[in-house]
Amino acid sequence: MINANQLLIQKIEALLVAADKAVKKEEWALANTLLKEGLDTLGDLYVSSDIVDDTGMKLVLASAKENEGSLQVAATIRRRVLAARLSLLREKNVNAAS
């Protein structure tokens, strides 16, 4: 049986795949849009009391780079943050199931 977090994980994984395709085509604006959607969808569901999240400042940097016009750098940073946060959510989901 699939729970709500598993459905959310699938949705975010699909956004990551779509963003990766946009990156391969060097469609940086689209990649950033998809990655921001993934981050917004994930929200703070990945947070747990036993982790220290240091990714917030990286997102500030990504936004600054995007504002400077460095869309490729912004997408690279956002992709790493989303992948890290998604990994934390997966881990949290597994721990909750056991």
Protein backbone atom coordinates (compact mmCIF):
# COMPACT_ATOMS: atom_id res chain seq x y z
CA MET A 1 0.00 0.00 0.00
CA ILE A 2 1.35 3.40 -0.97
CA ASN A 3 1.22 6.12 1.66
CA ALA A 4 1.09 9.88 1.13
CA ASN A 5 4.86 10.31 1.50
CA GLN A 6 5.52 7.64 -1.11
CA LEU A 7 3.24 9.44 -3.57
CA LEU A 8 5.02 12.68 -2.79
CA ILE A 9 8.39 11.02 -3.34
CA GLN A 10 7.22 9.74 -6.72
CA LYS A 11 6.04 13.21 -7.74
CA ILE A 12 9.34 14.80 -6.72
CA GLU A 13 11.32 12.07 -8.48
CA ALA A 14 9.36 12.82 -11.66
CA LEU A 15 10.19 16.52 -11.31
CA LEU A 16 13.88 15.63 -10.88
CA VAL A 17 13.80 13.49 -14.02
CA ALA A 18 12.12 16.30 -15.96
CA ALA A 19 14.67 18.81 -14.62
CA ASP A 20 17.53 16.52 -15.63
CA LYS A 21 16.11 16.32 -19.15
CA ALA A 22 15.90 20.11 -19.27
CA VAL A 23 19.53 20.34 -18.12
CA LYS A 24 20.63 17.96 -20.89
CA LYS A 25 18.94 20.31 -23.37
CA GLU A 26 20.53 23.30 -21.60
CA GLU A 27 17.05 24.66 -20.84
CA TRP A 28 18.20 26.28 -17.60
CA ALA A 29 15.09 28.37 -16.92
CA LEU A 30 12.87 25.30 -17.23
CA ALA A 31 15.22 23.25 -15.06
CA ASN A 32 15.11 25.91 -12.34
CA THR A 33 11.33 26.10 -12.52
CA LEU A 34 10.98 22.32 -12.14
CA LEU A 35 13.49 22.18 -9.30
CA LYS A 36 11.77 25.02 -7.45
CA GLU A 37 8.48 23.17 -7.87
CA GLY A 38 10.09 20.06 -6.41
CA LEU A 39 11.46 22.01 -3.46
CA ASP A 40 8.09 23.68 -2.87
CA THR A 41 6.31 20.33 -3.08
CA LEU A 42 8.71 18.78 -0.60
CA GLY A 43 8.51 21.71 1.79
CA ASP A 44 9.83 20.73 5.22
CA LEU A 45 8.51 17.16 5.22
CA TYR A 46 12.09 15.86 5.13
CA VAL A 47 12.97 17.50 8.47
CA SER A 48 13.41 15.33 11.52
CA SER A 49 14.77 15.95 14.99
CA ASP A 50 17.92 13.88 14.37
CA ILE A 51 19.28 15.79 11.37
CA VAL A 52 20.90 19.15 10.89
CA ASP A 53 19.77 20.77 7.66
CA ASP A 54 22.38 23.06 6.18
CA THR A 55 20.79 23.38 2.75
CA GLY A 56 18.87 26.61 3.33
CA MET A 57 21.89 28.83 2.66
CA LYS A 58 22.56 26.92 -0.54
CA LEU A 59 19.09 27.89 -1.75
CA VAL A 60 19.82 31.51 -0.93
CA LEU A 61 22.94 31.22 -3.09
CA ALA A 62 20.93 29.58 -5.88
CA SER A 63 18.45 32.47 -5.84
CA ALA A 64 21.29 35.00 -5.93
CA LYS A 65 22.90 33.21 -8.87
CA GLU A 66 19.57 33.08 -10.68
CA ASN A 67 19.10 36.83 -10.12
CA GLU A 68 22.59 37.40 -11.57
CA GLY A 69 21.59 35.42 -14.65
CA SER A 70 23.69 32.37 -13.80
CA LEU A 71 20.85 29.94 -14.42
CA GLN A 72 23.10 26.93 -14.92
CA VAL A 73 24.78 27.44 -11.53
CA ALA A 74 21.39 28.02 -9.86
CA ALA A 75 19.99 24.81 -11.35
CA THR A 76 23.04 22.82 -10.27
CA ILE A 77 22.75 24.03 -6.68
CA ARG A 78 18.99 23.49 -6.54
CA ARG A 79 19.32 19.99 -7.97
CA ARG A 80 21.82 19.00 -5.28
CA VAL A 81 19.63 20.45 -2.52
CA LEU A 82 16.49 18.75 -3.78
CA ALA A 83 18.28 15.41 -4.14
CA ALA A 84 19.70 15.69 -0.61
CA ARG A 85 16.35 16.65 0.91
CA LEU A 86 14.56 13.89 -1.01
CA SER A 87 17.08 11.39 0.32
CA LEU A 88 16.34 12.58 3.85
CA LEU A 89 12.61 12.14 3.26
CA ARG A 90 13.16 8.61 1.95
CA GLU A 91 15.23 7.80 5.03
CA LYS A 92 12.61 9.32 7.32
CA ASN A 93 9.89 7.33 5.54
CA VAL A 94 11.82 4.07 5.96
CA ASN A 95 12.49 4.76 9.64
CA ALA A 96 8.80 5.55 10.24
CA ALA A 97 7.80 2.25 8.63
CA SER A 98 10.09 0.17 10.85
